[in-house]
Amino acid sequence: MTGWASTSPHFGEEAAITADTRYNVNGTADGRKVSIWRVSVPVDAARETVSFTSPAVPNVKVLALTTRT
């Protein structure tokens, strides 16, 4: 998964949330644009999704899961 401070996605993600800058611990802006990236995973519409299993990759972090109908 692309890092949140990357300037563009690396694995086909799309920006879900973008901020114009991030802030240092002292409250000053550093001017670096940041994003939370999202990816859509197609599923079979004829079936009900009841669970999600992620691969055993140590650097992948799932922050949230949602569904759309």
Protein backbone atom coordinates (compact mmCIF):
# COMPACT_ATOMS: atom_id res chain seq x y z
CA MET A 1 0.00 0.00 0.00
CA THR A 2 1.20 3.47 -0.82
CA GLY A 3 2.48 5.55 2.10
CA TRP A 4 0.22 8.40 3.23
CA ALA A 5 2.82 11.07 2.45
CA SER A 6 3.52 9.77 -1.08
CA THR A 7 2.85 12.24 -3.87
CA SER A 8 1.06 9.61 -5.98
CA PRO A 9 -0.27 6.05 -5.59
CA HIS A 10 1.98 3.10 -6.40
CA PHE A 11 -0.44 0.17 -6.49
CA GLY A 12 -3.51 1.44 -8.35
CA GLU A 13 -5.15 3.13 -5.37
CA GLU A 14 -7.19 6.34 -5.56
CA ALA A 15 -7.11 9.21 -3.09
CA ALA A 16 -9.97 8.92 -0.56
CA ILE A 17 -8.97 11.94 1.53
CA THR A 18 -6.39 14.60 0.72
CA ALA A 19 -4.98 17.43 2.85
CA ASP A 20 -2.94 20.37 1.54
CA THR A 21 -0.31 19.99 4.24
CA ARG A 22 0.71 17.99 7.28
CA TYR A 23 1.77 19.53 10.58
CA ASN A 24 4.88 19.12 12.70
CA VAL A 25 4.60 18.35 16.39
CA ASN A 26 5.10 22.08 17.12
CA GLY A 27 2.06 22.99 14.99
CA THR A 28 3.89 24.39 11.98
CA ALA A 29 2.87 23.25 8.50
CA ASP A 30 5.54 21.62 6.36
CA GLY A 31 3.69 22.14 3.05
CA ARG A 32 3.67 18.47 2.03
CA LYS A 33 0.37 17.28 0.57
CA VAL A 34 -0.83 14.00 2.13
CA SER A 35 -3.51 11.47 1.19
CA ILE A 36 -5.27 8.44 2.55
CA TRP A 37 -5.46 5.97 -0.32
CA ARG A 38 -8.29 3.57 -1.12
CA VAL A 39 -8.68 0.57 -3.36
CA SER A 40 -11.86 -1.07 -4.64
CA VAL A 41 -12.06 -4.85 -4.63
CA PRO A 42 -14.70 -6.38 -6.88
CA VAL A 43 -16.84 -9.14 -5.43
CA ASP A 44 -19.52 -11.41 -6.88
CA ALA A 45 -22.83 -9.51 -6.60
CA ALA A 46 -24.74 -12.78 -6.45
CA ARG A 47 -23.06 -13.74 -3.17
CA GLU A 48 -22.97 -12.19 0.31
CA THR A 49 -19.57 -11.08 1.56
CA VAL A 50 -19.18 -12.16 5.19
CA SER A 51 -15.45 -11.90 5.79
CA PHE A 52 -12.20 -10.42 4.53
CA THR A 53 -8.83 -12.15 4.67
CA SER A 54 -5.75 -10.11 3.89
CA PRO A 55 -2.48 -11.58 2.65
CA ALA A 56 0.34 -12.15 5.13
CA VAL A 57 2.23 -9.01 4.10
CA PRO A 58 3.74 -7.14 7.06
CA ASN A 59 3.61 -3.66 5.49
CA VAL A 60 -0.06 -3.73 4.47
CA LYS A 61 -2.35 -1.90 6.87
CA VAL A 62 -6.14 -1.97 6.50
CA LEU A 63 -7.60 1.10 8.18
CA ALA A 64 -11.23 0.54 7.26
CA LEU A 65 -13.55 -1.64 5.22
CA THR A 66 -16.83 -0.51 3.70
CA THR A 67 -19.36 -1.94 1.29
CA ARG A 68 -21.40 -0.37 -1.50
CA THR A 69 -24.59 -1.69 -2.98
